[in-house]
Amino acid sequence: MLDTIPSQEELKALIGQSLYDVWNTLCALIDEKYDMDRSWDKGGKAWKYEYKYRWGGKTLCALYARENCVGFMVILGKDERSKFESDRANYSKEVQERYDQAQTYHDGKWIMFEPVDTSLFNDFIGLLRIKRRPNRK
């Protein structure tokens, strides 16, 4: 766990204004569709911060921040990968390529995106829907 949660100013200074806007837009989109526990943590070796969306001990997705960079990760388990693969034509070429390149571990396929704008957000919500139906109207 983090000792202190980064302030809006700290996050903005770290990732820059345009990525801060991307971060906030993505969070608002997830918050609009999902009522989840959210937690900040250290981002490991590659990232400064991790911001996780969880429910009942399971992670829906995580956002990551480091200098001038934002990450968005979704982990698809075996059944979820089958759902994606049967519907992959409905996702952008970039999302399909990122899926194909993603490392598969024992607990699923870890798909990391580094969005620079909102162009893939509909696909991101599609990936989240595979994991869990939205629980907000």
N, C-alpha and C. Protein backbone atom coordinates (compact mmCIF):
# COMPACT_ATOMS: atom_id res chain seq x y z
N MET A 1 0.83 -1.19 0.00
CA MET A 1 0.00 0.00 0.00
C MET A 1 0.87 1.26 0.00
N LEU A 2 0.30 2.30 -0.53
CA LEU A 2 0.98 3.59 -0.55
C LEU A 2 0.85 4.27 0.80
N ASP A 3 1.88 4.99 1.19
CA ASP A 3 1.81 5.79 2.41
C ASP A 3 0.84 6.95 2.22
N THR A 4 0.98 7.62 1.07
CA THR A 4 0.08 8.73 0.77
C THR A 4 -0.42 8.61 -0.66
N ILE A 5 -1.69 8.89 -0.84
CA ILE A 5 -2.31 8.88 -2.16
C ILE A 5 -1.87 10.15 -2.88
N PRO A 6 -1.49 10.05 -4.15
CA PRO A 6 -1.05 11.26 -4.85
C PRO A 6 -2.22 12.25 -5.00
N SER A 7 -1.91 13.52 -4.84
CA SER A 7 -2.92 14.56 -5.05
C SER A 7 -3.13 14.74 -6.55
N GLN A 8 -4.19 15.44 -6.92
CA GLN A 8 -4.43 15.73 -8.33
C GLN A 8 -3.24 16.46 -8.92
N GLU A 9 -2.67 17.40 -8.17
CA GLU A 9 -1.52 18.18 -8.65
C GLU A 9 -0.31 17.28 -8.88
N GLU A 10 -0.06 16.36 -7.96
CA GLU A 10 1.08 15.44 -8.11
C GLU A 10 0.90 14.55 -9.34
N LEU A 11 -0.31 14.02 -9.50
CA LEU A 11 -0.58 13.15 -10.64
C LEU A 11 -0.44 13.93 -11.95
N LYS A 12 -0.98 15.13 -11.98
CA LYS A 12 -0.90 15.98 -13.18
C LYS A 12 0.56 16.31 -13.51
N ALA A 13 1.36 16.62 -12.48
CA ALA A 13 2.78 16.94 -12.68
C ALA A 13 3.54 15.72 -13.20
N LEU A 14 3.15 14.54 -12.75
CA LEU A 14 3.83 13.31 -13.16
C LEU A 14 3.52 12.95 -14.61
N ILE A 15 2.25 12.94 -14.98
CA ILE A 15 1.87 12.41 -16.30
C ILE A 15 1.61 13.51 -17.34
N GLY A 16 1.47 14.76 -16.90
CA GLY A 16 1.21 15.85 -17.84
C GLY A 16 -0.29 16.09 -18.00
N GLN A 17 -0.65 17.30 -18.41
CA GLN A 17 -2.05 17.70 -18.49
C GLN A 17 -2.87 16.84 -19.44
N SER A 18 -2.36 16.57 -20.65
CA SER A 18 -3.19 15.84 -21.61
C SER A 18 -3.44 14.40 -21.15
N LEU A 19 -2.44 13.75 -20.56
CA LEU A 19 -2.64 12.39 -20.06
C LEU A 19 -3.47 12.41 -18.78
N TYR A 20 -3.37 13.47 -18.01
CA TYR A 20 -4.21 13.62 -16.83
C TYR A 20 -5.68 13.66 -17.24
N ASP A 21 -5.96 14.37 -18.34
CA ASP A 21 -7.33 14.42 -18.87
C ASP A 21 -7.78 13.03 -19.35
N VAL A 22 -6.89 12.30 -20.01
CA VAL A 22 -7.19 10.94 -20.46
C VAL A 22 -7.49 10.06 -19.24
N TRP A 23 -6.64 10.13 -18.22
CA TRP A 23 -6.80 9.36 -16.97
C TRP A 23 -8.17 9.64 -16.35
N ASN A 24 -8.49 10.93 -16.19
CA ASN A 24 -9.75 11.29 -15.55
C ASN A 24 -10.96 10.87 -16.37
N THR A 25 -10.87 10.98 -17.68
CA THR A 25 -11.97 10.57 -18.55
C THR A 25 -12.19 9.06 -18.44
N LEU A 26 -11.10 8.30 -18.42
CA LEU A 26 -11.22 6.85 -18.30
C LEU A 26 -11.80 6.46 -16.94
N CYS A 27 -11.32 7.09 -15.87
CA CYS A 27 -11.86 6.80 -14.53
C CYS A 27 -13.34 7.13 -14.47
N ALA A 28 -13.74 8.26 -15.04
CA ALA A 28 -15.15 8.67 -15.03
C ALA A 28 -16.00 7.65 -15.79
N LEU A 29 -15.49 7.16 -16.90
CA LEU A 29 -16.21 6.17 -17.70
C LEU A 29 -16.40 4.87 -16.91
N ILE A 30 -15.34 4.42 -16.24
CA ILE A 30 -15.43 3.19 -15.43
C ILE A 30 -16.38 3.42 -14.25
N ASP A 31 -16.23 4.58 -13.57
CA ASP A 31 -17.08 4.89 -12.42
C ASP A 31 -18.56 4.98 -12.80
N GLU A 32 -18.82 5.44 -14.02
CA GLU A 32 -20.20 5.57 -14.49
C GLU A 32 -20.85 4.20 -14.66
N LYS A 33 -20.07 3.18 -15.00
CA LYS A 33 -20.61 1.86 -15.30
C LYS A 33 -20.45 0.86 -14.15
N TYR A 34 -19.47 1.09 -13.28
CA TYR A 34 -19.15 0.12 -12.25
C TYR A 34 -19.05 0.78 -10.87
N ASP A 35 -19.70 0.15 -9.90
CA ASP A 35 -19.56 0.55 -8.50
C ASP A 35 -18.54 -0.41 -7.90
N MET A 36 -17.33 0.08 -7.66
CA MET A 36 -16.21 -0.78 -7.26
C MET A 36 -15.45 -0.18 -6.09
N ASP A 37 -14.70 -1.04 -5.41
CA ASP A 37 -13.69 -0.55 -4.48
C ASP A 37 -12.52 -0.09 -5.34
N ARG A 38 -11.90 1.01 -4.93
CA ARG A 38 -10.74 1.53 -5.66
C ARG A 38 -9.60 1.69 -4.67
N SER A 39 -8.39 1.36 -5.10
CA SER A 39 -7.25 1.49 -4.20
C SER A 39 -6.00 1.92 -4.96
N TRP A 40 -5.20 2.73 -4.28
CA TRP A 40 -3.90 3.16 -4.80
C TRP A 40 -2.82 2.25 -4.23
N ASP A 41 -1.79 2.03 -5.03
CA ASP A 41 -0.65 1.25 -4.56
C ASP A 41 0.58 1.71 -5.32
N LYS A 42 1.72 1.17 -4.92
CA LYS A 42 2.95 1.43 -5.68
C LYS A 42 2.83 0.69 -7.01
N GLY A 43 3.45 1.23 -8.04
CA GLY A 43 3.31 0.66 -9.37
C GLY A 43 4.36 -0.37 -9.74
N GLY A 44 5.11 -0.87 -8.78
CA GLY A 44 6.13 -1.87 -9.09
C GLY A 44 7.34 -1.23 -9.74
N LYS A 45 8.11 -2.04 -10.50
CA LYS A 45 9.35 -1.55 -11.11
C LYS A 45 9.09 -0.58 -12.25
N ALA A 46 8.04 -0.82 -13.03
CA ALA A 46 7.84 -0.05 -14.26
C ALA A 46 7.01 1.22 -14.07
N TRP A 47 6.24 1.30 -12.98
CA TRP A 47 5.31 2.41 -12.80
C TRP A 47 5.46 3.01 -11.42
N LYS A 48 5.08 4.27 -11.28
CA LYS A 48 5.13 4.92 -9.96
C LYS A 48 3.89 4.58 -9.14
N TYR A 49 2.71 4.62 -9.80
CA TYR A 49 1.45 4.36 -9.09
C TYR A 49 0.59 3.33 -9.82
N GLU A 50 -0.18 2.62 -9.02
CA GLU A 50 -1.20 1.71 -9.53
C GLU A 50 -2.53 2.11 -8.88
N TYR A 51 -3.58 2.16 -9.69
CA TYR A 51 -4.92 2.50 -9.21
C TYR A 51 -5.84 1.38 -9.66
N LYS A 52 -6.29 0.54 -8.71
CA LYS A 52 -7.03 -0.67 -9.03
C LYS A 52 -8.52 -0.54 -8.77
N TYR A 53 -9.29 -1.14 -9.68
CA TYR A 53 -10.74 -1.29 -9.49
C TYR A 53 -10.99 -2.75 -9.12
N ARG A 54 -11.60 -2.96 -7.95
CA ARG A 54 -11.82 -4.32 -7.46
C ARG A 54 -13.22 -4.47 -6.90
N TRP A 55 -13.70 -5.71 -6.90
CA TRP A 55 -14.95 -6.05 -6.22
C TRP A 55 -14.79 -7.48 -5.72
N GLY A 56 -15.21 -7.72 -4.49
CA GLY A 56 -15.16 -9.06 -3.92
C GLY A 56 -13.83 -9.75 -4.06
N GLY A 57 -12.74 -9.00 -3.92
CA GLY A 57 -11.41 -9.60 -3.99
C GLY A 57 -10.90 -9.83 -5.40
N LYS A 58 -11.69 -9.49 -6.41
CA LYS A 58 -11.26 -9.68 -7.80
C LYS A 58 -11.01 -8.32 -8.44
N THR A 59 -9.97 -8.28 -9.26
CA THR A 59 -9.62 -7.04 -9.94
C THR A 59 -10.35 -6.95 -11.27
N LEU A 60 -11.00 -5.82 -11.51
CA LEU A 60 -11.62 -5.56 -12.80
C LEU A 60 -10.55 -5.05 -13.78
N CYS A 61 -9.80 -4.04 -13.35
CA CYS A 61 -8.74 -3.47 -14.17
C CYS A 61 -7.86 -2.60 -13.28
N ALA A 62 -6.78 -2.10 -13.85
CA ALA A 62 -5.91 -1.21 -13.10
C ALA A 62 -5.37 -0.14 -14.04
N LEU A 63 -5.21 1.06 -13.50
CA LEU A 63 -4.55 2.14 -14.22
C LEU A 63 -3.19 2.34 -13.58
N TYR A 64 -2.23 2.74 -14.40
CA TYR A 64 -0.87 2.95 -13.93
C TYR A 64 -0.38 4.32 -14.36
N ALA A 65 0.51 4.89 -13.57
CA ALA A 65 1.07 6.20 -13.91
C ALA A 65 2.58 6.19 -13.67
N ARG A 66 3.29 6.79 -14.61
CA ARG A 66 4.71 7.10 -14.47
C ARG A 66 4.95 8.37 -15.27
N GLU A 67 6.15 8.86 -15.27
CA GLU A 67 6.43 10.13 -15.92
C GLU A 67 5.96 10.13 -17.38
N ASN A 68 5.06 11.04 -17.69
CA ASN A 68 4.53 11.24 -19.05
C ASN A 68 3.93 9.98 -19.68
N CYS A 69 3.37 9.11 -18.85
CA CYS A 69 2.81 7.87 -19.38
C CYS A 69 1.70 7.35 -18.46
N VAL A 70 0.63 6.85 -19.11
CA VAL A 70 -0.49 6.23 -18.40
C VAL A 70 -0.64 4.81 -18.93
N GLY A 71 -0.94 3.88 -18.04
CA GLY A 71 -1.19 2.50 -18.44
C GLY A 71 -2.59 2.07 -18.01
N PHE A 72 -3.16 1.18 -18.80
CA PHE A 72 -4.47 0.60 -18.48
C PHE A 72 -4.34 -0.90 -18.71
N MET A 73 -4.53 -1.69 -17.65
CA MET A 73 -4.36 -3.14 -17.77
C MET A 73 -5.65 -3.89 -17.45
N VAL A 74 -5.92 -4.86 -18.31
CA VAL A 74 -7.02 -5.80 -18.11
C VAL A 74 -6.42 -7.19 -18.20
N ILE A 75 -6.79 -8.06 -17.27
CA ILE A 75 -6.34 -9.45 -17.30
C ILE A 75 -7.54 -10.32 -17.64
N LEU A 76 -7.42 -11.05 -18.75
CA LEU A 76 -8.51 -11.93 -19.17
C LEU A 76 -8.14 -13.37 -18.85
N GLY A 77 -8.97 -14.02 -18.05
CA GLY A 77 -8.79 -15.44 -17.75
C GLY A 77 -9.18 -16.30 -18.94
N LYS A 78 -9.10 -17.60 -18.77
CA LYS A 78 -9.34 -18.53 -19.88
C LYS A 78 -10.71 -18.34 -20.53
N ASP A 79 -11.78 -18.35 -19.74
CA ASP A 79 -13.12 -18.19 -20.29
C ASP A 79 -13.30 -16.81 -20.93
N GLU A 80 -12.70 -15.80 -20.31
CA GLU A 80 -12.79 -14.44 -20.83
C GLU A 80 -12.04 -14.31 -22.15
N ARG A 81 -10.92 -15.02 -22.28
CA ARG A 81 -10.19 -15.00 -23.56
C ARG A 81 -11.03 -15.63 -24.67
N SER A 82 -11.75 -16.69 -24.35
CA SER A 82 -12.64 -17.31 -25.34
C SER A 82 -13.70 -16.32 -25.80
N LYS A 83 -14.26 -15.57 -24.86
CA LYS A 83 -15.27 -14.57 -25.21
C LYS A 83 -14.66 -13.49 -26.12
N PHE A 84 -13.46 -13.03 -25.77
CA PHE A 84 -12.81 -12.02 -26.60
C PHE A 84 -12.56 -12.57 -28.00
N GLU A 85 -12.00 -13.78 -28.06
CA GLU A 85 -11.61 -14.34 -29.35
C GLU A 85 -12.82 -14.57 -30.25
N SER A 86 -13.98 -14.89 -29.69
CA SER A 86 -15.17 -15.08 -30.52
C SER A 86 -15.75 -13.75 -30.99
N ASP A 87 -15.32 -12.64 -30.35
CA ASP A 87 -15.86 -11.32 -30.66
C ASP A 87 -14.78 -10.36 -31.15
N ARG A 88 -13.57 -10.86 -31.40
CA ARG A 88 -12.42 -9.99 -31.65
C ARG A 88 -12.58 -9.08 -32.85
N ALA A 89 -13.37 -9.49 -33.85
CA ALA A 89 -13.57 -8.66 -35.05
C ALA A 89 -14.24 -7.34 -34.71
N ASN A 90 -14.92 -7.27 -33.57
CA ASN A 90 -15.60 -6.04 -33.15
C ASN A 90 -14.67 -5.08 -32.40
N TYR A 91 -13.41 -5.47 -32.25
CA TYR A 91 -12.43 -4.62 -31.58
C TYR A 91 -11.49 -4.02 -32.62
N SER A 92 -10.91 -2.88 -32.28
CA SER A 92 -10.00 -2.21 -33.20
C SER A 92 -8.76 -3.08 -33.45
N LYS A 93 -8.11 -2.80 -34.56
CA LYS A 93 -6.89 -3.52 -34.93
C LYS A 93 -5.84 -3.39 -33.83
N GLU A 94 -5.74 -2.19 -33.25
CA GLU A 94 -4.76 -1.95 -32.19
C GLU A 94 -5.02 -2.84 -30.98
N VAL A 95 -6.29 -2.97 -30.58
CA VAL A 95 -6.63 -3.81 -29.43
C VAL A 95 -6.36 -5.27 -29.76
N GLN A 96 -6.70 -5.70 -30.96
CA GLN A 96 -6.42 -7.09 -31.36
C GLN A 96 -4.92 -7.38 -31.33
N GLU A 97 -4.12 -6.45 -31.84
CA GLU A 97 -2.66 -6.64 -31.84
C GLU A 97 -2.11 -6.67 -30.42
N ARG A 98 -2.60 -5.77 -29.57
CA ARG A 98 -2.14 -5.73 -28.18
C ARG A 98 -2.51 -7.04 -27.47
N TYR A 99 -3.69 -7.54 -27.76
CA TYR A 99 -4.14 -8.82 -27.19
C TYR A 99 -3.19 -9.94 -27.63
N ASP A 100 -2.90 -9.99 -28.93
CA ASP A 100 -2.04 -11.05 -29.47
C ASP A 100 -0.63 -10.99 -28.89
N GLN A 101 -0.15 -9.78 -28.61
CA GLN A 101 1.22 -9.60 -28.09
C GLN A 101 1.30 -9.79 -26.58
N ALA A 102 0.17 -9.76 -25.91
CA ALA A 102 0.17 -9.80 -24.44
C ALA A 102 0.68 -11.14 -23.92
N GLN A 103 1.39 -11.06 -22.82
CA GLN A 103 1.93 -12.24 -22.16
C GLN A 103 0.79 -13.01 -21.48
N THR A 104 0.80 -14.33 -21.64
CA THR A 104 -0.19 -15.16 -20.96
C THR A 104 0.49 -15.84 -19.77
N TYR A 105 -0.10 -15.67 -18.60
CA TYR A 105 0.39 -16.27 -17.37
C TYR A 105 -0.60 -17.31 -16.89
N HIS A 106 -0.30 -17.96 -15.76
CA HIS A 106 -1.20 -19.00 -15.23
C HIS A 106 -2.58 -18.45 -14.90
N ASP A 107 -2.65 -17.15 -14.57
CA ASP A 107 -3.94 -16.58 -14.16
C ASP A 107 -4.62 -15.79 -15.27
N GLY A 108 -4.03 -15.78 -16.46
CA GLY A 108 -4.69 -15.09 -17.56
C GLY A 108 -3.74 -14.32 -18.45
N LYS A 109 -4.32 -13.66 -19.42
CA LYS A 109 -3.58 -12.85 -20.38
C LYS A 109 -3.58 -11.41 -19.89
N TRP A 110 -2.39 -10.88 -19.64
CA TRP A 110 -2.23 -9.54 -19.10
C TRP A 110 -2.07 -8.56 -20.25
N ILE A 111 -3.12 -7.77 -20.52
CA ILE A 111 -3.11 -6.86 -21.65
C ILE A 111 -2.91 -5.44 -21.14
N MET A 112 -1.78 -4.84 -21.53
CA MET A 112 -1.46 -3.48 -21.09
C MET A 112 -1.56 -2.53 -22.28
N PHE A 113 -2.27 -1.45 -22.05
CA PHE A 113 -2.39 -0.38 -23.04
C PHE A 113 -1.75 0.87 -22.46
N GLU A 114 -1.25 1.73 -23.33
CA GLU A 114 -0.74 3.02 -22.90
C GLU A 114 -1.48 4.10 -23.70
N PRO A 115 -2.72 4.39 -23.30
CA PRO A 115 -3.53 5.33 -24.07
C PRO A 115 -2.96 6.75 -24.03
N VAL A 116 -3.02 7.42 -25.18
CA VAL A 116 -2.60 8.82 -25.26
C VAL A 116 -3.81 9.72 -25.55
N ASP A 117 -4.95 9.08 -25.83
CA ASP A 117 -6.20 9.81 -26.06
C ASP A 117 -7.34 8.85 -25.73
N THR A 118 -8.56 9.24 -26.07
CA THR A 118 -9.73 8.43 -25.68
C THR A 118 -10.20 7.49 -26.80
N SER A 119 -9.42 7.36 -27.87
CA SER A 119 -9.89 6.63 -29.05
C SER A 119 -10.20 5.16 -28.81
N LEU A 120 -9.56 4.54 -27.83
CA LEU A 120 -9.79 3.10 -27.57
C LEU A 120 -10.76 2.85 -26.42
N PHE A 121 -11.35 3.91 -25.86
CA PHE A 121 -12.15 3.74 -24.66
C PHE A 121 -13.36 2.83 -24.86
N ASN A 122 -14.01 2.87 -26.01
CA ASN A 122 -15.13 1.96 -26.25
C ASN A 122 -14.66 0.51 -26.20
N ASP A 123 -13.48 0.26 -26.77
CA ASP A 123 -12.90 -1.09 -26.70
C ASP A 123 -12.56 -1.47 -25.26
N PHE A 124 -12.02 -0.52 -24.49
CA PHE A 124 -11.69 -0.80 -23.08
C PHE A 124 -12.94 -1.22 -22.32
N ILE A 125 -14.05 -0.49 -22.54
CA ILE A 125 -15.30 -0.83 -21.86
C ILE A 125 -15.79 -2.20 -22.33
N GLY A 126 -15.59 -2.51 -23.60
CA GLY A 126 -15.94 -3.85 -24.11
C GLY A 126 -15.15 -4.94 -23.40
N LEU A 127 -13.86 -4.70 -23.18
CA LEU A 127 -13.03 -5.67 -22.46
C LEU A 127 -13.51 -5.83 -21.02
N LEU A 128 -13.86 -4.71 -20.40
CA LEU A 128 -14.36 -4.78 -19.01
C LEU A 128 -15.68 -5.53 -18.95
N ARG A 129 -16.53 -5.35 -19.96
CA ARG A 129 -17.82 -6.06 -20.00
C ARG A 129 -17.62 -7.58 -20.07
N ILE A 130 -16.54 -8.00 -20.74
CA ILE A 130 -16.23 -9.44 -20.78
C ILE A 130 -15.98 -9.94 -19.36
N LYS A 131 -15.30 -9.14 -18.56
CA LYS A 131 -14.97 -9.54 -17.19
C LYS A 131 -16.18 -9.46 -16.26
N ARG A 132 -16.99 -8.42 -16.42
CA ARG A 132 -18.13 -8.22 -15.52
C ARG A 132 -19.12 -7.26 -16.15
N ARG A 133 -20.39 -7.63 -16.08
CA ARG A 133 -21.43 -6.72 -16.57
C ARG A 133 -21.42 -5.45 -15.72
N PRO A 134 -21.63 -4.29 -16.32
CA PRO A 134 -21.71 -3.07 -15.51
C PRO A 134 -22.80 -3.21 -14.44
N ASN A 135 -22.51 -2.68 -13.25
CA ASN A 135 -23.47 -2.80 -12.16
C ASN A 135 -24.07 -1.44 -11.79
N ARG A 136 -23.96 -0.50 -12.70
CA ARG A 136 -24.62 0.80 -12.55
C ARG A 136 -25.43 1.05 -13.79
N LYS A 137 -26.56 1.71 -13.64
CA LYS A 137 -27.43 2.00 -14.80
C LYS A 137 -26.84 3.13 -15.61
